[in-house]
Amino acid sequence: MRDVYIIGVGMTKFGELWDKSLRDLFVEASLQAIENADVDHIQSMYVGAMSAGLFVGQEHIASLLSDYLGNEGIPATHVESACASGGIAVRQGYIEVASGISDIVLAGGVEKMNDGADVTFALATASDQEYEAFHGVTFPGLYAMIARAHMEKYGTTREQLAEVAVKNHEHGLKNPNAQFQMAISRDTVMKSTMVADPLRLLDCSPVTDGAAAVIICSEDVAKKSGRPLVKLRASSQATDYLALHSRKDLASLPSVARAAKKAYKDADTKPEDIDVFEVHDCFTIAELVVIEELGIVERGKSGAAVEAGITRLGGKIPVNTSGGLKSKGHPVGATGTAQIIEIVEQLRGDAGDRQVTDARLGLAQNMGGSGGSCVIHILEGIS
């Protein structure tokens, strides 16, 4: 396997983008990535999107988007794994370059969620239809069960859940591409509308339009490019039971632990070596469980860690410096790629007011549904 690098990144602003279509968003992000990498061609393309067919009535999007990007004729593939689609699109590009099939691959994700579709129905297709969605359980409901289990087992408090949202909005204030660039207080979170007890509105990531893309390449191309070198040290993927009722412990996310174990091994590193993390905080409880599964904090201690400021910018273990899904936004197919872009910018020293001092290693964790799929990338800035 060859070494693999990311030399270009591009991302739209995230939000309710009424004046832009699915194709507009993906082309905008992709052209930014191509320009940022300073390449004159791509040999292949992977597009992550969870449900363009339901959100905007468009399938066969790989052909559509390669066409509108001006690259008709190249191999183009649509990747779907619910909210992990964008991360797994990058993984597919990584595999193609590592194998030697291609030297320059564009990988990205896109979702247009605000064009009038039944978003709750579309998102629920990522759950078990017969045993969950059919009976009326939505994703806030599924994550509320995870939250209740974690609270019961470990004593995690309602205040600690709220602190995740407060922290991520503090970070999102510093991100010009974030959907919500506003501070919120713990009290505001605690008094927001109940969605699925104990989760309230401000515990939940928003409905978002947006796209993100990266240029993945071989070491030869990377070194000739003159661009800052960011190496993909590891790319790992795992799955779990789709339905929550099949899992032994509702307070855990085994797919995250499995993917993390493989990623750390492949990157020859440990959790304590990582300088900055982007994790999948689709709901506040998700961030708490994920940082336990990644080995950042002891199991059951994540709530206290966030409350103590350990995961804030300037803290010992910065998590979701982009603002996370909670503040940056969550266009489901694009999220995983956007997480990787945040890590690349941190390792390049390009994160502005969000910059983690001397960041050298970063980890991006992206998952689908209630943890039925997970993909993790570990990246290294090469000086």
Protein backbone atom coordinates (compact mmCIF):
# COMPACT_ATOMS: atom_id res chain seq x y z
CA MET A 1 0.00 0.00 0.00
CA ARG A 2 1.23 3.47 -0.91
CA ASP A 3 1.25 6.45 1.44
CA VAL A 4 -1.73 8.76 0.90
CA TYR A 5 -2.02 12.53 1.34
CA ILE A 6 -4.68 15.25 1.26
CA ILE A 7 -3.48 18.36 -0.57
CA GLY A 8 -6.71 20.24 -1.25
CA VAL A 9 -9.86 21.09 0.71
CA GLY A 10 -13.06 22.90 -0.16
CA MET A 11 -16.30 23.55 1.68
CA THR A 12 -19.43 25.62 1.26
CA LYS A 13 -20.99 27.54 4.09
CA PHE A 14 -23.42 25.28 5.95
CA GLY A 15 -27.00 26.37 6.58
CA GLU A 16 -30.37 26.85 4.91
CA LEU A 17 -29.09 27.58 1.41
CA TRP A 18 -32.28 28.27 -0.48
CA ASP A 19 -30.60 29.78 -3.53
CA LYS A 20 -28.31 26.81 -4.26
CA SER A 21 -29.12 23.33 -5.58
CA LEU A 22 -27.49 20.00 -4.79
CA ARG A 23 -25.28 20.29 -7.88
CA ASP A 24 -24.39 23.93 -7.13
CA LEU A 25 -23.18 23.00 -3.65
CA PHE A 26 -21.06 20.04 -4.69
CA VAL A 27 -19.46 21.88 -7.60
CA GLU A 28 -18.67 24.88 -5.37
CA ALA A 29 -16.90 22.75 -2.76
CA SER A 30 -15.12 20.62 -5.38
CA LEU A 31 -13.78 23.60 -7.33
CA GLN A 32 -12.46 25.08 -4.08
CA ALA A 33 -10.68 21.78 -3.32
CA ILE A 34 -9.21 21.55 -6.82
CA GLU A 35 -8.00 25.15 -6.65
CA ASN A 36 -6.63 24.64 -3.15
CA ALA A 37 -4.68 21.59 -4.35
CA ASP A 38 -3.58 23.36 -7.54
CA VAL A 39 -4.19 20.26 -9.68
CA ASP A 40 -5.28 20.39 -13.30
CA HIS A 41 -7.18 17.09 -13.38
CA ILE A 42 -8.70 14.35 -11.27
CA GLN A 43 -8.75 10.69 -12.21
CA SER A 44 -11.67 9.49 -10.13
CA MET A 45 -14.43 10.79 -7.85
CA TYR A 46 -16.44 9.58 -4.85
CA VAL A 47 -19.57 11.40 -3.67
CA GLY A 48 -21.10 10.77 -0.25
CA ALA A 49 -24.82 11.49 0.04
CA MET A 50 -27.30 9.82 2.35
CA SER A 51 -30.56 10.32 0.53
CA ALA A 52 -30.61 12.67 -2.45
CA GLY A 53 -33.49 10.63 -3.83
CA LEU A 54 -35.72 11.51 -0.90
CA PHE A 55 -34.44 15.01 -0.18
CA VAL A 56 -34.47 16.37 -3.76
CA GLY A 57 -35.80 13.48 -5.88
CA GLN A 58 -32.46 12.90 -7.61
CA GLU A 59 -30.65 9.58 -7.84
CA HIS A 60 -27.71 8.69 -10.12
CA ILE A 61 -25.90 11.65 -8.61
CA ALA A 62 -22.36 10.46 -9.33
CA SER A 63 -22.96 10.86 -13.05
CA LEU A 64 -24.84 14.12 -12.55
CA LEU A 65 -22.15 15.70 -10.40
CA SER A 66 -19.17 14.59 -12.48
CA ASP A 67 -20.98 16.10 -15.46
CA TYR A 68 -21.63 19.45 -13.76
CA LEU A 69 -18.09 19.54 -12.42
CA GLY A 70 -16.87 19.28 -16.02
CA ASN A 71 -15.38 15.81 -15.55
CA GLU A 72 -17.78 13.61 -17.47
CA GLY A 73 -16.06 10.40 -18.48
CA ILE A 74 -14.14 9.74 -15.27
CA PRO A 75 -15.13 6.93 -12.89
CA ALA A 76 -17.56 8.46 -10.38
CA THR A 77 -19.24 6.60 -7.53
CA HIS A 78 -22.02 7.50 -5.11
CA VAL A 79 -21.33 6.28 -1.55
CA GLU A 80 -24.13 5.81 1.00
CA SER A 81 -23.83 4.89 4.67
CA ALA A 82 -26.35 7.26 6.23
CA CYS A 83 -24.57 10.09 8.08
CA ALA A 84 -21.21 8.35 7.55
CA SER A 85 -21.45 8.74 3.77
CA GLY A 86 -18.97 11.63 3.46
CA GLY A 87 -16.35 9.95 5.62
CA ILE A 88 -16.64 6.68 3.78
CA ALA A 89 -16.37 8.50 0.43
CA VAL A 90 -12.97 9.75 1.63
CA ARG A 91 -12.08 6.22 2.72
CA GLN A 92 -12.88 4.92 -0.76
CA GLY A 93 -10.64 7.58 -2.27
CA TYR A 94 -7.93 6.64 0.20
CA ILE A 95 -8.18 2.96 -0.81
CA GLU A 96 -8.01 3.82 -4.52
CA VAL A 97 -4.88 5.93 -4.13
CA ALA A 98 -3.23 3.53 -1.65
CA SER A 99 -3.78 0.63 -4.03
CA GLY A 100 -2.10 2.44 -6.92
CA ILE A 101 -5.20 2.54 -9.13
CA SER A 102 -5.18 6.35 -9.23
CA ASP A 103 -2.86 9.17 -8.20
CA ILE A 104 -5.39 12.00 -7.80
CA VAL A 105 -8.92 11.42 -6.50
CA LEU A 106 -11.63 13.86 -5.46
CA ALA A 107 -13.78 12.68 -2.54
CA GLY A 108 -16.58 14.61 -0.94
CA GLY A 109 -20.11 14.74 0.30
CA VAL A 110 -23.24 16.78 -0.21
CA GLU A 111 -26.78 17.02 1.07
CA LYS A 112 -29.65 19.38 0.28
CA MET A 113 -32.09 18.87 3.14
CA ASN A 114 -34.17 22.07 3.14
CA ASP A 115 -36.03 21.84 -0.16
CA GLY A 116 -39.35 20.62 1.22
CA ALA A 117 -38.80 16.92 1.83
CA ASP A 118 -40.12 15.14 4.92
CA VAL A 119 -36.76 15.27 6.71
CA THR A 120 -37.86 13.13 9.66
CA PHE A 121 -39.00 10.37 7.30
CA ALA A 122 -35.85 10.59 5.18
CA LEU A 123 -33.52 10.42 8.18
CA ALA A 124 -35.49 7.55 9.71
CA THR A 125 -34.62 5.39 6.71
CA ALA A 126 -31.19 4.98 8.36
CA SER A 127 -32.81 3.14 11.27
CA ASP A 128 -34.29 -0.37 11.30
CA GLN A 129 -37.55 0.07 9.39
CA GLU A 130 -39.38 -2.99 10.70
CA TYR A 131 -38.38 -2.75 14.35
CA GLU A 132 -37.84 1.00 14.87
CA ALA A 133 -39.20 3.40 12.23
CA PHE A 134 -42.44 1.45 11.67
CA HIS A 135 -43.27 1.88 15.35
CA GLY A 136 -42.66 5.62 15.25
CA VAL A 137 -39.19 5.84 16.75
CA THR A 138 -37.15 8.72 15.32
CA PHE A 139 -33.45 9.41 15.78
CA PRO A 140 -34.01 11.85 18.66
CA GLY A 141 -35.92 9.02 20.31
CA LEU A 142 -33.14 6.50 19.70
CA TYR A 143 -30.46 8.81 21.07
CA ALA A 144 -32.74 9.68 24.00
CA MET A 145 -32.67 5.98 24.89
CA ILE A 146 -28.87 6.03 24.71
CA ALA A 147 -28.83 9.13 26.91
CA ARG A 148 -31.15 7.57 29.50
CA ALA A 149 -29.04 4.42 29.59
CA HIS A 150 -25.83 6.44 30.05
CA MET A 151 -27.39 8.58 32.77
CA GLU A 152 -28.68 5.53 34.62
CA LYS A 153 -25.43 3.57 34.33
CA TYR A 154 -22.89 6.33 34.98
CA GLY A 155 -24.72 9.18 36.65
CA THR A 156 -24.33 11.51 33.67
CA THR A 157 -26.39 14.63 34.30
CA ARG A 158 -28.72 16.77 32.22
CA GLU A 159 -26.35 19.70 32.86
CA GLN A 160 -23.41 17.77 31.41
CA LEU A 161 -25.34 17.08 28.20
CA ALA A 162 -26.07 20.79 27.91
CA GLU A 163 -22.40 21.63 28.37
CA VAL A 164 -21.56 19.78 25.12
CA ALA A 165 -23.85 22.12 23.19
CA VAL A 166 -22.48 25.20 24.98
CA LYS A 167 -18.88 24.22 24.16
CA ASN A 168 -19.55 23.46 20.52
CA HIS A 169 -21.38 26.74 19.99
CA GLU A 170 -18.38 28.55 21.52
CA HIS A 171 -16.21 26.88 18.89
CA GLY A 172 -18.71 27.48 16.08
CA LEU A 173 -18.56 31.21 16.78
CA LYS A 174 -15.03 31.07 15.38
CA ASN A 175 -15.96 29.14 12.21
CA PRO A 176 -17.10 31.31 9.27
CA ASN A 177 -18.72 28.29 7.58
CA ALA A 178 -20.82 27.29 10.59
CA GLN A 179 -24.61 27.34 10.38
CA PHE A 180 -25.00 28.76 13.90
CA GLN A 181 -22.41 31.35 14.85
CA MET A 182 -23.89 32.19 18.21
CA ALA A 183 -23.14 31.49 21.85
CA ILE A 184 -25.70 29.70 23.99
CA SER A 185 -25.87 29.21 27.74
CA ARG A 186 -26.46 26.06 29.73
CA ASP A 187 -29.74 27.56 30.94
CA THR A 188 -30.86 28.20 27.35
CA VAL A 189 -30.20 24.56 26.43
CA MET A 190 -31.99 23.30 29.54
CA LYS A 191 -35.07 25.41 28.79
CA SER A 192 -35.28 24.71 25.06
CA THR A 193 -38.19 22.69 23.69
CA MET A 194 -38.32 19.05 24.73
CA VAL A 195 -37.83 16.76 21.71
CA ALA A 196 -37.35 13.29 23.25
CA ASP A 197 -36.74 13.19 26.98
CA PRO A 198 -34.04 13.98 28.10
CA LEU A 199 -32.97 15.56 24.79
CA ARG A 200 -34.12 19.08 24.06
CA LEU A 201 -34.00 21.09 20.86
CA LEU A 202 -30.55 22.51 21.58
CA ASP A 203 -29.16 19.01 22.18
CA CYS A 204 -29.89 18.20 18.53
CA SER A 205 -27.91 18.99 15.38
CA PRO A 206 -29.86 21.02 12.81
CA VAL A 207 -31.23 20.35 9.33
CA THR A 208 -28.56 21.66 6.97
CA ASP A 209 -27.58 22.15 3.34
CA GLY A 210 -23.92 21.99 2.38
CA ALA A 211 -21.04 20.25 0.65
CA ALA A 212 -17.39 19.49 1.32
CA ALA A 213 -14.61 17.96 -0.80
CA VAL A 214 -10.96 16.98 -0.57
CA ILE A 215 -8.24 16.07 -3.05
CA ILE A 216 -6.50 12.80 -2.14
CA CYS A 217 -3.24 11.90 -3.82
CA SER A 218 -0.11 9.78 -3.83
CA GLU A 219 3.10 10.83 -2.11
CA ASP A 220 4.76 11.74 -5.43
CA VAL A 221 1.96 14.07 -6.39
CA ALA A 222 1.83 15.57 -2.89
CA LYS A 223 5.54 16.36 -2.78
CA LYS A 224 5.53 17.90 -6.25
CA SER A 225 2.48 20.03 -5.46
CA GLY A 226 4.23 22.40 -3.10
CA ARG A 227 1.16 22.24 -0.86
CA PRO A 228 1.36 21.67 2.92
CA LEU A 229 1.64 17.92 3.48
CA VAL A 230 -1.08 16.18 5.45
CA LYS A 231 -0.75 12.42 5.49
CA LEU A 232 -3.66 10.03 5.95
CA ARG A 233 -2.06 7.75 8.51
CA ALA A 234 -5.10 5.47 8.91
CA SER A 235 -8.60 4.91 7.57
CA SER A 236 -10.79 2.36 9.34
CA GLN A 237 -14.43 1.35 9.20
CA ALA A 238 -16.72 -0.82 11.32
CA THR A 239 -20.38 -1.70 11.75
CA ASP A 240 -22.75 -2.73 14.51
CA TYR A 241 -26.30 -4.01 14.86
CA LEU A 242 -28.59 -1.49 13.20
CA ALA A 243 -31.40 -1.74 15.75
CA LEU A 244 -30.70 -0.63 19.30
CA HIS A 245 -32.62 -3.55 20.81
CA SER A 246 -29.98 -5.96 19.46
CA ARG A 247 -27.14 -4.35 21.40
CA LYS A 248 -25.96 -5.56 24.78
CA ASP A 249 -25.28 -2.09 26.20
CA LEU A 250 -27.27 0.96 25.13
CA ALA A 251 -24.74 3.23 26.80
CA SER A 252 -22.01 2.28 24.32
CA LEU A 253 -21.29 2.50 20.59
CA PRO A 254 -19.28 -0.63 19.68
CA SER A 255 -18.75 0.34 16.03
CA VAL A 256 -16.76 3.37 17.22
CA ALA A 257 -14.57 1.28 19.52
CA ARG A 258 -13.93 -1.27 16.75
CA ALA A 259 -13.00 1.36 14.17
CA ALA A 260 -10.84 3.21 16.69
CA LYS A 261 -8.89 0.11 17.69
CA LYS A 262 -8.03 -0.56 14.04
CA ALA A 263 -7.19 3.10 13.30
CA TYR A 264 -4.84 3.45 16.26
CA LYS A 265 -3.09 0.21 15.29
CA ASP A 266 -2.71 1.19 11.63
CA ALA A 267 -1.45 4.65 12.53
CA ASP A 268 0.84 3.22 15.22
CA THR A 269 -0.48 5.73 17.71
CA LYS A 270 -2.58 6.02 20.87
CA PRO A 271 -5.47 8.27 21.94
CA GLU A 272 -3.18 10.39 24.10
CA ASP A 273 -1.01 11.18 21.06
CA ILE A 274 -3.85 12.89 19.20
CA ASP A 275 -3.87 16.69 19.40
CA VAL A 276 -7.36 17.46 18.07
CA PHE A 277 -10.54 15.45 17.50
CA GLU A 278 -13.62 15.94 15.34
CA VAL A 279 -16.41 13.61 16.47
CA HIS A 280 -19.97 12.93 15.42
CA ASP A 281 -22.11 14.95 17.83
CA CYS A 282 -25.45 14.54 16.06
CA PHE A 283 -26.87 14.78 19.59
CA THR A 284 -25.04 15.90 22.72
CA ILE A 285 -25.08 12.39 24.15
CA ALA A 286 -23.34 11.11 21.02
CA GLU A 287 -20.25 13.21 21.72
CA LEU A 288 -20.09 11.94 25.30
CA VAL A 289 -20.31 8.28 24.31
CA VAL A 290 -17.95 8.66 21.34
CA ILE A 291 -15.11 10.24 23.33
CA GLU A 292 -15.33 7.30 25.73
CA GLU A 293 -15.20 4.78 22.88
CA LEU A 294 -12.20 6.60 21.37
CA GLY A 295 -10.32 6.21 24.65
CA ILE A 296 -10.06 9.96 25.21
CA VAL A 297 -11.65 9.65 28.65
CA GLU A 298 -12.58 6.74 30.88
CA ARG A 299 -15.94 5.11 30.31
CA GLY A 300 -18.58 6.96 32.27
CA LYS A 301 -16.36 10.03 32.83
CA SER A 302 -17.13 11.97 29.64
CA GLY A 303 -19.78 14.23 31.18
CA ALA A 304 -17.44 15.34 33.93
CA ALA A 305 -14.63 15.87 31.41
CA VAL A 306 -16.72 18.21 29.26
CA GLU A 307 -18.01 20.04 32.32
CA ALA A 308 -14.42 20.58 33.51
CA GLY A 309 -13.43 22.15 30.17
CA ILE A 310 -11.02 19.42 29.15
CA THR A 311 -12.51 19.19 25.62
CA ARG A 312 -12.69 22.94 24.96
CA LEU A 313 -10.28 24.90 22.80
CA GLY A 314 -7.34 25.51 25.11
CA GLY A 315 -8.19 22.39 27.08
CA LYS A 316 -6.14 19.23 27.30
CA ILE A 317 -8.15 17.39 24.58
CA PRO A 318 -9.85 19.79 22.10
CA VAL A 319 -12.94 18.16 20.60
CA ASN A 320 -15.03 19.60 17.74
CA THR A 321 -13.08 22.80 17.21
CA SER A 322 -15.21 23.37 14.08
CA GLY A 323 -18.32 23.69 16.22
CA GLY A 324 -19.24 20.10 15.55
CA LEU A 325 -22.47 19.00 13.94
CA LYS A 326 -24.32 20.92 16.66
CA SER A 327 -23.10 24.39 15.67
CA LYS A 328 -21.38 23.94 12.29
CA GLY A 329 -24.41 22.06 10.95
CA HIS A 330 -25.11 18.55 9.72
CA PRO A 331 -25.79 18.13 5.97
CA VAL A 332 -25.73 14.39 6.51
CA GLY A 333 -23.83 13.30 3.39
CA ALA A 334 -21.22 16.06 3.72
CA THR A 335 -20.48 15.91 7.44
CA GLY A 336 -17.75 13.26 7.38
CA THR A 337 -15.76 15.11 4.73
CA ALA A 338 -16.17 18.43 6.54
CA GLN A 339 -14.78 16.86 9.72
CA ILE A 340 -11.67 15.81 7.83
CA ILE A 341 -11.32 19.33 6.40
CA GLU A 342 -11.28 20.75 9.92
CA ILE A 343 -8.49 18.36 10.87
CA VAL A 344 -6.51 19.21 7.72
CA GLU A 345 -6.81 22.93 8.45
CA GLN A 346 -5.72 22.38 12.05
CA LEU A 347 -2.66 20.39 10.92
CA ARG A 348 -1.78 23.02 8.32
CA GLY A 349 -2.10 25.80 10.90
CA ASP A 350 -4.93 27.34 8.87
CA ALA A 351 -7.74 27.21 11.47
CA GLY A 352 -7.59 30.88 12.46
CA ASP A 353 -9.16 31.64 15.83
CA ARG A 354 -9.89 27.92 16.24
CA GLN A 355 -6.25 26.90 15.91
CA VAL A 356 -4.94 24.27 18.32
CA THR A 357 -1.34 25.15 19.16
CA ASP A 358 1.25 22.87 17.55
CA ALA A 359 -1.34 20.37 16.29
CA ARG A 360 0.43 17.47 14.57
CA LEU A 361 -2.00 14.54 14.78
CA GLY A 362 -5.76 14.71 14.32
CA LEU A 363 -8.63 12.24 14.31
CA ALA A 364 -12.01 12.49 12.56
CA GLN A 365 -14.82 10.14 13.63
CA ASN A 366 -18.00 9.93 11.53
CA MET A 367 -20.91 7.55 12.06
CA GLY A 368 -24.20 6.58 10.49
CA GLY A 369 -27.57 6.32 12.18
CA SER A 370 -27.40 5.34 15.83
CA GLY A 371 -23.90 3.94 15.34
CA GLY A 372 -24.69 1.19 12.85
CA SER A 373 -21.64 2.31 10.87
CA CYS A 374 -18.52 4.24 11.78
CA VAL A 375 -15.47 5.48 9.88
CA ILE A 376 -12.36 6.97 11.46
CA HIS A 377 -9.40 8.76 9.89
CA ILE A 378 -6.14 9.69 11.59
CA LEU A 379 -4.12 12.41 9.87
CA GLU A 380 -0.64 13.80 10.41
CA GLY A 381 0.80 17.15 9.47
CA ILE A 382 4.23 16.67 7.90
CA SER A 383 6.55 19.62 8.47
